[in-house]
Amino acid sequence: MTAAAAFWAVVIGALAHFPGAPFGTVLSAVAFLAFFVIAGAHYDRMAIVVTQDGVLFRSFFRRVPVRWDDILRVEVHPGLAGTLYAVATRRGLVQFTSLLARHRELFQVMLERARLARSR
């Protein structure tokens, strides 16, 4: 994400040296830069922390601590862009994807510590 944001910052800098650059082109470059900065901030803030008592889901906007006995089920949804893990808890739905490092291990830990059966 950082490399993409840096690339679009360079593009904007290059466009600044061309006085005849179309407004739409500059606006598009600014939009791409904003997208990658926001996405980078989101992914930098996102974490899942496993503790003895449960798991803490942290995203850009919220923190959801969940005790192991509050996890009701974990659904696995394979897709073209990767796997989505939907964790149904007494505190609501929390999700993570296969973009997260060691996602399979996290899935196994959740099943074991929440005492859930693996369904196929």
PDB file of N, CA and C in Angstrom:
ATOM      1  N   MET A   1       0.821  -1.183   0.000  1.00  0.00           N
ATOM      2  CA  MET A   1       0.000   0.000   0.000  1.00  0.00           C
ATOM      3  C   MET A   1       0.873   1.258   0.000  1.00  0.00           C
ATOM      4  N   THR A   2       1.950   1.201   0.761  1.00  0.00           N
ATOM      5  CA  THR A   2       2.826   2.369   0.836  1.00  0.00           C
ATOM      6  C   THR A   2       3.482   2.652  -0.506  1.00  0.00           C
ATOM      7  N   ALA A   3       3.883   1.584  -1.186  1.00  0.00           N
ATOM      8  CA  ALA A   3       4.517   1.766  -2.501  1.00  0.00           C
ATOM      9  C   ALA A   3       3.530   2.365  -3.500  1.00  0.00           C
ATOM     10  N   ALA A   4       2.298   1.902  -3.457  1.00  0.00           N
ATOM     11  CA  ALA A   4       1.280   2.438  -4.374  1.00  0.00           C
ATOM     12  C   ALA A   4       0.994   3.903  -4.055  1.00  0.00           C
ATOM     13  N   ALA A   5       0.915   4.246  -2.780  1.00  0.00           N
ATOM     14  CA  ALA A   5       0.685   5.641  -2.399  1.00  0.00           C
ATOM     15  C   ALA A   5       1.856   6.512  -2.840  1.00  0.00           C
ATOM     16  N   ALA A   6       3.072   6.002  -2.670  1.00  0.00           N
ATOM     17  CA  ALA A   6       4.247   6.763  -3.104  1.00  0.00           C
ATOM     18  C   ALA A   6       4.237   6.957  -4.622  1.00  0.00           C
ATOM     19  N   PHE A   7       3.863   5.919  -5.356  1.00  0.00           N
ATOM     20  CA  PHE A   7       3.778   6.024  -6.810  1.00  0.00           C
ATOM     21  C   PHE A   7       2.820   7.143  -7.223  1.00  0.00           C
ATOM     22  N   TRP A   8       1.631   7.155  -6.620  1.00  0.00           N
ATOM     23  CA  TRP A   8       0.644   8.174  -7.003  1.00  0.00           C
ATOM     24  C   TRP A   8       1.059   9.568  -6.540  1.00  0.00           C
ATOM     25  N   ALA A   9       1.815   9.662  -5.463  1.00  0.00           N
ATOM     26  CA  ALA A   9       2.352  10.961  -5.052  1.00  0.00           C
ATOM     27  C   ALA A   9       3.361  11.471  -6.076  1.00  0.00           C
ATOM     28  N   VAL A  10       4.180  10.553  -6.617  1.00  0.00           N
ATOM     29  CA  VAL A  10       5.128  10.926  -7.672  1.00  0.00           C
ATOM     30  C   VAL A  10       4.382  11.352  -8.931  1.00  0.00           C
ATOM     31  N   VAL A  11       3.320  10.636  -9.264  1.00  0.00           N
ATOM     32  CA  VAL A  11       2.511  11.001 -10.444  1.00  0.00           C
ATOM     33  C   VAL A  11       1.945  12.413 -10.268  1.00  0.00           C
ATOM     34  N   ILE A  12       1.430  12.710  -9.090  1.00  0.00           N
ATOM     35  CA  ILE A  12       0.888  14.051  -8.844  1.00  0.00           C
ATOM     36  C   ILE A  12       1.991  15.096  -8.960  1.00  0.00           C
ATOM     37  N   GLY A  13       3.175  14.772  -8.428  1.00  0.00           N
ATOM     38  CA  GLY A  13       4.303  15.685  -8.555  1.00  0.00           C
ATOM     39  C   GLY A  13       4.682  15.919 -10.007  1.00  0.00           C
ATOM     40  N   ALA A  14       4.657  14.854 -10.806  1.00  0.00           N
ATOM     41  CA  ALA A  14       4.973  14.991 -12.230  1.00  0.00           C
ATOM     42  C   ALA A  14       3.907  15.813 -12.949  1.00  0.00           C
ATOM     43  N   LEU A  15       2.655  15.580 -12.601  1.00  0.00           N
ATOM     44  CA  LEU A  15       1.567  16.344 -13.226  1.00  0.00           C
ATOM     45  C   LEU A  15       1.650  17.825 -12.865  1.00  0.00           C
ATOM     46  N   ALA A  16       2.204  18.143 -11.708  1.00  0.00           N
ATOM     47  CA  ALA A  16       2.342  19.543 -11.295  1.00  0.00           C
ATOM     48  C   ALA A  16       3.321  20.295 -12.199  1.00  0.00           C
ATOM     49  N   HIS A  17       4.222  19.555 -12.822  1.00  0.00           N
ATOM     50  CA  HIS A  17       5.193  20.174 -13.725  1.00  0.00           C
ATOM     51  C   HIS A  17       4.648  20.359 -15.141  1.00  0.00           C
ATOM     52  N   PHE A  18       3.462  19.866 -15.394  1.00  0.00           N
ATOM     53  CA  PHE A  18       2.819  20.022 -16.702  1.00  0.00           C
ATOM     54  C   PHE A  18       1.616  20.945 -16.542  1.00  0.00           C
ATOM     55  N   PRO A  19       1.777  22.219 -16.881  1.00  0.00           N
ATOM     56  CA  PRO A  19       0.686  23.170 -16.672  1.00  0.00           C
ATOM     57  C   PRO A  19      -0.572  22.833 -17.472  1.00  0.00           C
ATOM     58  N   GLY A  20      -0.435  22.091 -18.544  1.00  0.00           N
ATOM     59  CA  GLY A  20      -1.603  21.760 -19.360  1.00  0.00           C
ATOM     60  C   GLY A  20      -2.247  20.438 -18.996  1.00  0.00           C
ATOM     61  N   ALA A  21      -1.895  19.861 -17.848  1.00  0.00           N
ATOM     62  CA  ALA A  21      -2.464  18.569 -17.450  1.00  0.00           C
ATOM     63  C   ALA A  21      -3.968  18.708 -17.250  1.00  0.00           C
ATOM     64  N   PRO A  22      -4.739  17.801 -17.847  1.00  0.00           N
ATOM     65  CA  PRO A  22      -6.201  17.871 -17.697  1.00  0.00           C
ATOM     66  C   PRO A  22      -6.627  17.736 -16.231  1.00  0.00           C
ATOM     67  N   PHE A  23      -7.628  18.488 -15.879  1.00  0.00           N
ATOM     68  CA  PHE A  23      -8.126  18.472 -14.500  1.00  0.00           C
ATOM     69  C   PHE A  23      -8.561  17.066 -14.090  1.00  0.00           C
ATOM     70  N   GLY A  24      -9.217  16.342 -14.983  1.00  0.00           N
ATOM     71  CA  GLY A  24      -9.679  14.987 -14.677  1.00  0.00           C
ATOM     72  C   GLY A  24      -8.529  14.047 -14.358  1.00  0.00           C
ATOM     73  N   THR A  25      -7.402  14.220 -15.054  1.00  0.00           N
ATOM     74  CA  THR A  25      -6.229  13.386 -14.804  1.00  0.00           C
ATOM     75  C   THR A  25      -5.657  13.668 -13.413  1.00  0.00           C
ATOM     76  N   VAL A  26      -5.550  14.925 -13.068  1.00  0.00           N
ATOM     77  CA  VAL A  26      -5.041  15.305 -11.745  1.00  0.00           C
ATOM     78  C   VAL A  26      -5.992  14.806 -10.660  1.00  0.00           C
ATOM     79  N   LEU A  27      -7.273  14.982 -10.872  1.00  0.00           N
ATOM     80  CA  LEU A  27      -8.267  14.533  -9.903  1.00  0.00           C
ATOM     81  C   LEU A  27      -8.208  13.018  -9.718  1.00  0.00           C
ATOM     82  N   SER A  28      -8.031  12.287 -10.804  1.00  0.00           N
ATOM     83  CA  SER A  28      -7.920  10.825 -10.718  1.00  0.00           C
ATOM     84  C   SER A  28      -6.690  10.416  -9.923  1.00  0.00           C
ATOM     85  N   ALA A  29      -5.565  11.081 -10.170  1.00  0.00           N
ATOM     86  CA  ALA A  29      -4.339  10.769  -9.427  1.00  0.00           C
ATOM     87  C   ALA A  29      -4.520  11.058  -7.944  1.00  0.00           C
ATOM     88  N   VAL A  30      -5.172  12.158  -7.612  1.00  0.00           N
ATOM     89  CA  VAL A  30      -5.434  12.497  -6.206  1.00  0.00           C
ATOM     90  C   VAL A  30      -6.357  11.449  -5.574  1.00  0.00           C
ATOM     91  N   ALA A  31      -7.354  11.001  -6.319  1.00  0.00           N
ATOM     92  CA  ALA A  31      -8.277   9.979  -5.803  1.00  0.00           C
ATOM     93  C   ALA A  31      -7.540   8.665  -5.532  1.00  0.00           C
ATOM     94  N   PHE A  32      -6.642   8.260  -6.448  1.00  0.00           N
ATOM     95  CA  PHE A  32      -5.868   7.041  -6.224  1.00  0.00           C
ATOM     96  C   PHE A  32      -4.955   7.184  -5.008  1.00  0.00           C
ATOM     97  N   LEU A  33      -4.318   8.328  -4.874  1.00  0.00           N
ATOM     98  CA  LEU A  33      -3.461   8.562  -3.711  1.00  0.00           C
ATOM     99  C   LEU A  33      -4.276   8.466  -2.424  1.00  0.00           C
ATOM    100  N   ALA A  34      -5.430   9.106  -2.386  1.00  0.00           N
ATOM    101  CA  ALA A  34      -6.289   9.067  -1.197  1.00  0.00           C
ATOM    102  C   ALA A  34      -6.715   7.634  -0.887  1.00  0.00           C
ATOM    103  N   PHE A  35      -7.088   6.889  -1.932  1.00  0.00           N
ATOM    104  CA  PHE A  35      -7.501   5.494  -1.737  1.00  0.00           C
ATOM    105  C   PHE A  35      -6.395   4.679  -1.073  1.00  0.00           C
ATOM    106  N   PHE A  36      -5.178   4.765  -1.608  1.00  0.00           N
ATOM    107  CA  PHE A  36      -4.089   3.956  -1.074  1.00  0.00           C
ATOM    108  C   PHE A  36      -3.640   4.415   0.315  1.00  0.00           C
ATOM    109  N   VAL A  37      -3.728   5.691   0.607  1.00  0.00           N
ATOM    110  CA  VAL A  37      -3.403   6.171   1.952  1.00  0.00           C
ATOM    111  C   VAL A  37      -4.435   5.646   2.957  1.00  0.00           C
ATOM    112  N   ILE A  38      -5.713   5.728   2.613  1.00  0.00           N
ATOM    113  CA  ILE A  38      -6.772   5.255   3.516  1.00  0.00           C
ATOM    114  C   ILE A  38      -6.711   3.739   3.682  1.00  0.00           C
ATOM    115  N   ALA A  39      -6.526   3.018   2.580  1.00  0.00           N
ATOM    116  CA  ALA A  39      -6.433   1.553   2.655  1.00  0.00           C
ATOM    117  C   ALA A  39      -5.214   1.140   3.476  1.00  0.00           C
ATOM    118  N   GLY A  40      -4.099   1.823   3.294  1.00  0.00           N
ATOM    119  CA  GLY A  40      -2.904   1.524   4.075  1.00  0.00           C
ATOM    120  C   GLY A  40      -3.127   1.756   5.560  1.00  0.00           C
ATOM    121  N   ALA A  41      -3.787   2.851   5.903  1.00  0.00           N
ATOM    122  CA  ALA A  41      -4.094   3.138   7.312  1.00  0.00           C
ATOM    123  C   ALA A  41      -5.009   2.065   7.889  1.00  0.00           C
ATOM    124  N   HIS A  42      -5.973   1.623   7.091  1.00  0.00           N
ATOM    125  CA  HIS A  42      -6.893   0.578   7.538  1.00  0.00           C
ATOM    126  C   HIS A  42      -6.142  -0.722   7.824  1.00  0.00           C
ATOM    127  N   TYR A  43      -5.307  -1.160   6.889  1.00  0.00           N
ATOM    128  CA  TYR A  43      -4.589  -2.421   7.069  1.00  0.00           C
ATOM    129  C   TYR A  43      -3.505  -2.332   8.136  1.00  0.00           C
ATOM    130  N   ASP A  44      -2.910  -1.150   8.321  1.00  0.00           N
ATOM    131  CA  ASP A  44      -1.928  -0.995   9.392  1.00  0.00           C
ATOM    132  C   ASP A  44      -2.572  -1.089  10.767  1.00  0.00           C
ATOM    133  N   ARG A  45      -3.791  -0.666  10.888  1.00  0.00           N
ATOM    134  CA  ARG A  45      -4.506  -0.655  12.170  1.00  0.00           C
ATOM    135  C   ARG A  45      -5.163  -2.000  12.468  1.00  0.00           C
ATOM    136  N   MET A  46      -5.419  -2.796  11.440  1.00  0.00           N
ATOM    137  CA  MET A  46      -6.142  -4.051  11.613  1.00  0.00           C
ATOM    138  C   MET A  46      -5.248  -5.101  12.289  1.00  0.00           C
ATOM    139  N   ALA A  47      -5.808  -5.784  13.280  1.00  0.00           N
ATOM    140  CA  ALA A  47      -5.076  -6.843  13.974  1.00  0.00           C
ATOM    141  C   ALA A  47      -6.063  -7.776  14.660  1.00  0.00           C
ATOM    142  N   ILE A  48      -5.619  -8.991  14.847  1.00  0.00           N
ATOM    143  CA  ILE A  48      -6.369  -9.960  15.647  1.00  0.00           C
ATOM    144  C   ILE A  48      -5.388 -10.504  16.668  1.00  0.00           C
ATOM    145  N   VAL A  49      -5.697 -10.288  17.935  1.00  0.00           N
ATOM    146  CA  VAL A  49      -4.803 -10.670  19.022  1.00  0.00           C
ATOM    147  C   VAL A  49      -5.450 -11.804  19.806  1.00  0.00           C
ATOM    148  N   VAL A  50      -4.736 -12.917  19.904  1.00  0.00           N
ATOM    149  CA  VAL A  50      -5.226 -14.074  20.649  1.00  0.00           C
ATOM    150  C   VAL A  50      -4.650 -14.017  22.056  1.00  0.00           C
ATOM    151  N   THR A  51      -5.537 -14.135  23.042  1.00  0.00           N
ATOM    152  CA  THR A  51      -5.117 -14.163  24.445  1.00  0.00           C
ATOM    153  C   THR A  51      -5.610 -15.454  25.087  1.00  0.00           C
ATOM    154  N   GLN A  52      -5.260 -15.644  26.324  1.00  0.00           N
ATOM    155  CA  GLN A  52      -5.720 -16.827  27.049  1.00  0.00           C
ATOM    156  C   GLN A  52      -7.244 -16.835  27.187  1.00  0.00           C
ATOM    157  N   ASP A  53      -7.845 -15.652  27.385  1.00  0.00           N
ATOM    158  CA  ASP A  53      -9.279 -15.547  27.639  1.00  0.00           C
ATOM    159  C   ASP A  53     -10.130 -15.445  26.377  1.00  0.00           C
ATOM    160  N   GLY A  54      -9.529 -15.031  25.273  1.00  0.00           N
ATOM    161  CA  GLY A  54     -10.318 -14.843  24.062  1.00  0.00           C
ATOM    162  C   GLY A  54      -9.500 -14.226  22.951  1.00  0.00           C
ATOM    163  N   VAL A  55     -10.180 -13.478  22.145  1.00  0.00           N
ATOM    164  CA  VAL A  55      -9.538 -12.871  20.980  1.00  0.00           C
ATOM    165  C   VAL A  55     -10.000 -11.423  20.863  1.00  0.00           C
ATOM    166  N   LEU A  56      -9.088 -10.552  20.445  1.00  0.00           N
ATOM    167  CA  LEU A  56      -9.404  -9.141  20.253  1.00  0.00           C
ATOM    168  C   LEU A  56      -9.329  -8.843  18.771  1.00  0.00           C
ATOM    169  N   PHE A  57     -10.444  -8.416  18.193  1.00  0.00           N
ATOM    170  CA  PHE A  57     -10.501  -8.003  16.792  1.00  0.00           C
ATOM    171  C   PHE A  57     -10.379  -6.485  16.771  1.00  0.00           C
ATOM    172  N   ARG A  58      -9.387  -5.995  16.063  1.00  0.00           N
ATOM    173  CA  ARG A  58      -9.180  -4.544  15.998  1.00  0.00           C
ATOM    174  C   ARG A  58      -9.149  -4.121  14.534  1.00  0.00           C
ATOM    175  N   SER A  59      -9.930  -3.092  14.225  1.00  0.00           N
ATOM    176  CA  SER A  59      -9.935  -2.529  12.877  1.00  0.00           C
ATOM    177  C   SER A  59      -9.698  -1.027  12.990  1.00  0.00           C
ATOM    178  N   PHE A  60      -9.804  -0.346  11.887  1.00  0.00           N
ATOM    179  CA  PHE A  60      -9.571   1.092  11.857  1.00  0.00           C
ATOM    180  C   PHE A  60     -10.558   1.830  12.753  1.00  0.00           C
ATOM    181  N   PHE A  61     -11.792   1.318  12.829  1.00  0.00           N
ATOM    182  CA  PHE A  61     -12.846   2.042  13.537  1.00  0.00           C
ATOM    183  C   PHE A  61     -13.300   1.422  14.850  1.00  0.00           C
ATOM    184  N   ARG A  62     -12.943   0.155  15.111  1.00  0.00           N
ATOM    185  CA  ARG A  62     -13.479  -0.456  16.327  1.00  0.00           C
ATOM    186  C   ARG A  62     -12.548  -1.510  16.906  1.00  0.00           C
ATOM    187  N   ARG A  63     -12.791  -1.804  18.182  1.00  0.00           N
ATOM    188  CA  ARG A  63     -12.101  -2.872  18.915  1.00  0.00           C
ATOM    189  C   ARG A  63     -13.184  -3.769  19.490  1.00  0.00           C
ATOM    190  N   VAL A  64     -13.099  -5.065  19.203  1.00  0.00           N
ATOM    191  CA  VAL A  64     -14.103  -5.998  19.708  1.00  0.00           C
ATOM    192  C   VAL A  64     -13.403  -7.139  20.447  1.00  0.00           C
ATOM    193  N   PRO A  65     -13.383  -7.073  21.788  1.00  0.00           N
ATOM    194  CA  PRO A  65     -12.849  -8.212  22.542  1.00  0.00           C
ATOM    195  C   PRO A  65     -13.936  -9.285  22.668  1.00  0.00           C
ATOM    196  N   VAL A  66     -13.569 -10.536  22.401  1.00  0.00           N
ATOM    197  CA  VAL A  66     -14.533 -11.639  22.440  1.00  0.00           C
ATOM    198  C   VAL A  66     -13.939 -12.778  23.261  1.00  0.00           C
ATOM    199  N   ARG A  67     -14.667 -13.208  24.259  1.00  0.00           N
ATOM    200  CA  ARG A  67     -14.240 -14.364  25.057  1.00  0.00           C
ATOM    201  C   ARG A  67     -14.466 -15.628  24.238  1.00  0.00           C
ATOM    202  N   TRP A  68     -13.687 -16.667  24.524  1.00  0.00           N
ATOM    203  CA  TRP A  68     -13.796 -17.906  23.753  1.00  0.00           C
ATOM    204  C   TRP A  68     -15.212 -18.474  23.808  1.00  0.00           C
ATOM    205  N   ASP A  69     -15.859 -18.421  24.953  1.00  0.00           N
ATOM    206  CA  ASP A  69     -17.203 -18.998  25.061  1.00  0.00           C
ATOM    207  C   ASP A  69     -18.280 -18.121  24.414  1.00  0.00           C
ATOM    208  N   ASP A  70     -17.905 -16.929  23.956  1.00  0.00           N
ATOM    209  CA  ASP A  70     -18.850 -16.068  23.236  1.00  0.00           C
ATOM    210  C   ASP A  70     -18.808 -16.284  21.721  1.00  0.00           C
ATOM    211  N   ILE A  71     -17.886 -17.124  21.239  1.00  0.00           N
ATOM    212  CA  ILE A  71     -17.847 -17.444  19.810  1.00  0.00           C
ATOM    213  C   ILE A  71     -18.847 -18.557  19.549  1.00  0.00           C
ATOM    214  N   LEU A  72     -19.822 -18.284  18.700  1.00  0.00           N
ATOM    215  CA  LEU A  72     -20.890 -19.237  18.425  1.00  0.00           C
ATOM    216  C   LEU A  72     -20.555 -20.161  17.257  1.00  0.00           C
ATOM    217  N   ARG A  73     -19.939 -19.605  16.210  1.00  0.00           N
ATOM    218  CA  ARG A  73     -19.534 -20.409  15.051  1.00  0.00           C
ATOM    219  C   ARG A  73     -18.568 -19.597  14.196  1.00  0.00           C
ATOM    220  N   VAL A  74     -17.819 -20.320  13.389  1.00  0.00           N
ATOM    221  CA  VAL A  74     -16.912 -19.698  12.432  1.00  0.00           C
ATOM    222  C   VAL A  74     -17.227 -20.302  11.070  1.00  0.00           C
ATOM    223  N   GLU A  75     -17.676 -19.459  10.159  1.00  0.00           N
ATOM    224  CA  GLU A  75     -18.017 -19.914   8.810  1.00  0.00           C
ATOM    225  C   GLU A  75     -16.885 -19.547   7.858  1.00  0.00           C
ATOM    226  N   VAL A  76     -16.591 -20.469   6.953  1.00  0.00           N
ATOM    227  CA  VAL A  76     -15.539 -20.257   5.963  1.00  0.00           C
ATOM    228  C   VAL A  76     -16.195 -20.113   4.602  1.00  0.00           C
ATOM    229  N   HIS A  77     -15.905 -18.994   3.932  1.00  0.00           N
ATOM    230  CA  HIS A  77     -16.482 -18.708   2.621  1.00  0.00           C
ATOM    231  C   HIS A  77     -15.360 -18.518   1.602  1.00  0.00           C
ATOM    232  N   PRO A  78     -15.022 -19.581   0.832  1.00  0.00           N
ATOM    233  CA  PRO A  78     -13.988 -19.422  -0.185  1.00  0.00           C
ATOM    234  C   PRO A  78     -14.501 -18.560  -1.340  1.00  0.00           C
ATOM    235  N   GLY A  79     -13.616 -17.783  -1.939  1.00  0.00           N
ATOM    236  CA  GLY A  79     -14.003 -16.936  -3.052  1.00  0.00           C
ATOM    237  C   GLY A  79     -12.843 -16.717  -3.994  1.00  0.00           C
ATOM    238  N   LEU A  80     -13.075 -15.973  -5.050  1.00  0.00           N
ATOM    239  CA  LEU A  80     -12.034 -15.717  -6.039  1.00  0.00           C
ATOM    240  C   LEU A  80     -10.884 -14.887  -5.474  1.00  0.00           C
ATOM    241  N   ALA A  81     -11.191 -13.960  -4.596  1.00  0.00           N
ATOM    242  CA  ALA A  81     -10.169 -13.075  -4.037  1.00  0.00           C
ATOM    243  C   ALA A  81      -9.549 -13.636  -2.762  1.00  0.00           C
ATOM    244  N   GLY A  82      -9.937 -14.828  -2.350  1.00  0.00           N
ATOM    245  CA  GLY A  82      -9.415 -15.423  -1.127  1.00  0.00           C
ATOM    246  C   GLY A  82     -10.534 -15.982  -0.286  1.00  0.00           C
ATOM    247  N   THR A  83     -10.220 -16.310   0.937  1.00  0.00           N
ATOM    248  CA  THR A  83     -11.181 -16.907   1.853  1.00  0.00           C
ATOM    249  C   THR A  83     -11.635 -15.872   2.875  1.00  0.00           C
ATOM    250  N   LEU A  84     -12.931 -15.847   3.135  1.00  0.00           N
ATOM    251  CA  LEU A  84     -13.507 -14.978   4.153  1.00  0.00           C
ATOM    252  C   LEU A  84     -13.908 -15.847   5.339  1.00  0.00           C
ATOM    253  N   TYR A  85     -13.473 -15.459   6.530  1.00  0.00           N
ATOM    254  CA  TYR A  85     -13.860 -16.141   7.761  1.00  0.00           C
ATOM    255  C   TYR A  85     -14.856 -15.245   8.484  1.00  0.00           C
ATOM    256  N   ALA A  86     -16.074 -15.741   8.667  1.00  0.00           N
ATOM    257  CA  ALA A  86     -17.121 -14.997   9.355  1.00  0.00           C
ATOM    258  C   ALA A  86     -17.276 -15.599  10.751  1.00  0.00           C
ATOM    259  N   VAL A  87     -16.958 -14.809  11.764  1.00  0.00           N
ATOM    260  CA  VAL A  87     -16.992 -15.271  13.147  1.00  0.00           C
ATOM    261  C   VAL A  87     -18.246 -14.702  13.805  1.00  0.00           C
ATOM    262  N   ALA A  88     -19.214 -15.577  14.056  1.00  0.00           N
ATOM    263  CA  ALA A  88     -20.449 -15.160  14.727  1.00  0.00           C
ATOM    264  C   ALA A  88     -20.220 -15.245  16.231  1.00  0.00           C
ATOM    265  N   THR A  89     -20.421 -14.114  16.905  1.00  0.00           N
ATOM    266  CA  THR A  89     -20.220 -14.052  18.348  1.00  0.00           C
ATOM    267  C   THR A  89     -21.470 -13.482  19.008  1.00  0.00           C
ATOM    268  N   ARG A  90     -21.512 -13.562  20.312  1.00  0.00           N
ATOM    269  CA  ARG A  90     -22.622 -12.946  21.046  1.00  0.00           C
ATOM    270  C   ARG A  90     -22.574 -11.426  20.959  1.00  0.00           C
ATOM    271  N   ARG A  91     -21.430 -10.884  20.539  1.00  0.00           N
ATOM    272  CA  ARG A  91     -21.262  -9.432  20.392  1.00  0.00           C
ATOM    273  C   ARG A  91     -21.467  -8.980  18.958  1.00  0.00           C
ATOM    274  N   GLY A  92     -21.818  -9.917  18.067  1.00  0.00           N
ATOM    275  CA  GLY A  92     -22.029  -9.579  16.667  1.00  0.00           C
ATOM    276  C   GLY A  92     -21.063 -10.310  15.750  1.00  0.00           C
ATOM    277  N   LEU A  93     -21.147  -9.991  14.481  1.00  0.00           N
ATOM    278  CA  LEU A  93     -20.334 -10.643  13.464  1.00  0.00           C
ATOM    279  C   LEU A  93     -19.000  -9.916  13.305  1.00  0.00           C
ATOM    280  N   VAL A  94     -17.926 -10.697  13.254  1.00  0.00           N
ATOM    281  CA  VAL A  94     -16.599 -10.165  12.988  1.00  0.00           C
ATOM    282  C   VAL A  94     -16.008 -10.998  11.858  1.00  0.00           C
ATOM    283  N   GLN A  95     -15.289 -10.341  10.944  1.00  0.00           N
ATOM    284  CA  GLN A  95     -14.763 -11.054   9.792  1.00  0.00           C
ATOM    285  C   GLN A  95     -13.273 -10.790   9.614  1.00  0.00           C
ATOM    286  N   PHE A  96     -12.595 -11.776   9.024  1.00  0.00           N
ATOM    287  CA  PHE A  96     -11.223 -11.578   8.576  1.00  0.00           C
ATOM    288  C   PHE A  96     -11.028 -12.415   7.323  1.00  0.00           C
ATOM    289  N   THR A  97      -9.977 -12.114   6.576  1.00  0.00           N
ATOM    290  CA  THR A  97      -9.764 -12.788   5.299  1.00  0.00           C
ATOM    291  C   THR A  97      -8.439 -13.540   5.287  1.00  0.00           C
ATOM    292  N   SER A  98      -8.243 -14.265   4.214  1.00  0.00           N
ATOM    293  CA  SER A  98      -7.003 -15.020   4.044  1.00  0.00           C
ATOM    294  C   SER A  98      -5.824 -14.110   3.722  1.00  0.00           C
ATOM    295  N   LEU A  99      -6.053 -12.802   3.598  1.00  0.00           N
ATOM    296  CA  LEU A  99      -4.942 -11.863   3.450  1.00  0.00           C
ATOM    297  C   LEU A  99      -4.161 -11.725   4.758  1.00  0.00           C
ATOM    298  N   LEU A 100      -4.783 -12.099   5.848  1.00  0.00           N
ATOM    299  CA  LEU A 100      -4.144 -12.056   7.161  1.00  0.00           C
ATOM    300  C   LEU A 100      -3.144 -13.207   7.270  1.00  0.00           C
ATOM    301  N   ALA A 101      -1.926 -12.900   7.667  1.00  0.00           N
ATOM    302  CA  ALA A 101      -0.909 -13.935   7.834  1.00  0.00           C
ATOM    303  C   ALA A 101      -1.370 -14.967   8.869  1.00  0.00           C
ATOM    304  N   ARG A 102      -1.114 -16.217   8.597  1.00  0.00           N
ATOM    305  CA  ARG A 102      -1.443 -17.336   9.486  1.00  0.00           C
ATOM    306  C   ARG A 102      -2.945 -17.452   9.758  1.00  0.00           C
ATOM    307  N   HIS A 103      -3.761 -17.126   8.759  1.00  0.00           N
ATOM    308  CA  HIS A 103      -5.217 -17.174   8.921  1.00  0.00           C
ATOM    309  C   HIS A 103      -5.721 -18.579   9.203  1.00  0.00           C
ATOM    310  N   ARG A 104      -5.116 -19.596   8.595  1.00  0.00           N
ATOM    311  CA  ARG A 104      -5.565 -20.978   8.841  1.00  0.00           C
ATOM    312  C   ARG A 104      -5.291 -21.391  10.290  1.00  0.00           C
ATOM    313  N   GLU A 105      -4.133 -20.990  10.794  1.00  0.00           N
ATOM    314  CA  GLU A 105      -3.788 -21.286  12.181  1.00  0.00           C
ATOM    315  C   GLU A 105      -4.754 -20.578  13.132  1.00  0.00           C
ATOM    316  N   LEU A 106      -5.090 -19.344  12.842  1.00  0.00           N
ATOM    317  CA  LEU A 106      -6.046 -18.594  13.662  1.00  0.00           C
ATOM    318  C   LEU A 106      -7.406 -19.285  13.652  1.00  0.00           C
ATOM    319  N   PHE A 107      -7.831 -19.745  12.483  1.00  0.00           N
ATOM    320  CA  PHE A 107      -9.103 -20.473  12.361  1.00  0.00           C
ATOM    321  C   PHE A 107      -9.078 -21.723  13.246  1.00  0.00           C
ATOM    322  N   GLN A 108      -7.997 -22.494  13.200  1.00  0.00           N
ATOM    323  CA  GLN A 108      -7.882 -23.705  14.013  1.00  0.00           C
ATOM    324  C   GLN A 108      -7.899 -23.389  15.502  1.00  0.00           C
ATOM    325  N   VAL A 109      -7.187 -22.352  15.902  1.00  0.00           N
ATOM    326  CA  VAL A 109      -7.160 -21.950  17.319  1.00  0.00           C
ATOM    327  C   VAL A 109      -8.560 -21.570  17.781  1.00  0.00           C
ATOM    328  N   MET A 110      -9.291 -20.838  16.943  1.00  0.00           N
ATOM    329  CA  MET A 110     -10.660 -20.451  17.320  1.00  0.00           C
ATOM    330  C   MET A 110     -11.544 -21.675  17.503  1.00  0.00           C
ATOM    331  N   LEU A 111     -11.446 -22.622  16.584  1.00  0.00           N
ATOM    332  CA  LEU A 111     -12.263 -23.834  16.709  1.00  0.00           C
ATOM    333  C   LEU A 111     -11.925 -24.597  17.990  1.00  0.00           C
ATOM    334  N   GLU A 112     -10.639 -24.747  18.267  1.00  0.00           N
ATOM    335  CA  GLU A 112     -10.216 -25.510  19.446  1.00  0.00           C
ATOM    336  C   GLU A 112     -10.602 -24.819  20.751  1.00  0.00           C
ATOM    337  N   ARG A 113     -10.247 -23.551  20.876  1.00  0.00           N
ATOM    338  CA  ARG A 113     -10.474 -22.859  22.153  1.00  0.00           C
ATOM    339  C   ARG A 113     -11.934 -22.516  22.396  1.00  0.00           C
ATOM    340  N   ALA A 114     -12.705 -22.336  21.333  1.00  0.00           N
ATOM    341  CA  ALA A 114     -14.142 -22.077  21.488  1.00  0.00           C
ATOM    342  C   ALA A 114     -14.923 -23.384  21.557  1.00  0.00           C
ATOM    343  N   ARG A 115     -14.200 -24.506  21.427  1.00  0.00           N
ATOM    344  CA  ARG A 115     -14.798 -25.849  21.470  1.00  0.00           C
ATOM    345  C   ARG A 115     -15.902 -26.005  20.422  1.00  0.00           C
ATOM    346  N   LEU A 116     -15.547 -25.634  19.196  1.00  0.00           N
ATOM    347  CA  LEU A 116     -16.483 -25.756  18.081  1.00  0.00           C
ATOM    348  C   LEU A 116     -16.081 -26.940  17.206  1.00  0.00           C
ATOM    349  N   ALA A 117     -17.071 -27.610  16.657  1.00  0.00           N
ATOM    350  CA  ALA A 117     -16.794 -28.727  15.757  1.00  0.00           C
ATOM    351  C   ALA A 117     -16.545 -28.160  14.352  1.00  0.00           C
ATOM    352  N   ARG A 118     -15.614 -28.774  13.663  1.00  0.00           N
ATOM    353  CA  ARG A 118     -15.335 -28.345  12.293  1.00  0.00           C
ATOM    354  C   ARG A 118     -16.376 -28.990  11.375  1.00  0.00           C
ATOM    355  N   SER A 119     -17.099 -28.160  10.657  1.00  0.00           N
ATOM    356  CA  SER A 119     -18.114 -28.667   9.731  1.00  0.00           C
ATOM    357  C   SER A 119     -17.614 -28.502   8.309  1.00  0.00           C
ATOM    358  N   ARG A 120     -18.021 -29.374   7.433  1.00  0.00           N
ATOM    359  CA  ARG A 120     -17.593 -29.326   6.037  1.00  0.00           C
ATOM    360  C   ARG A 120     -18.740 -29.007   5.140  1.00  0.00           C
TER     361      ARG A 120
END
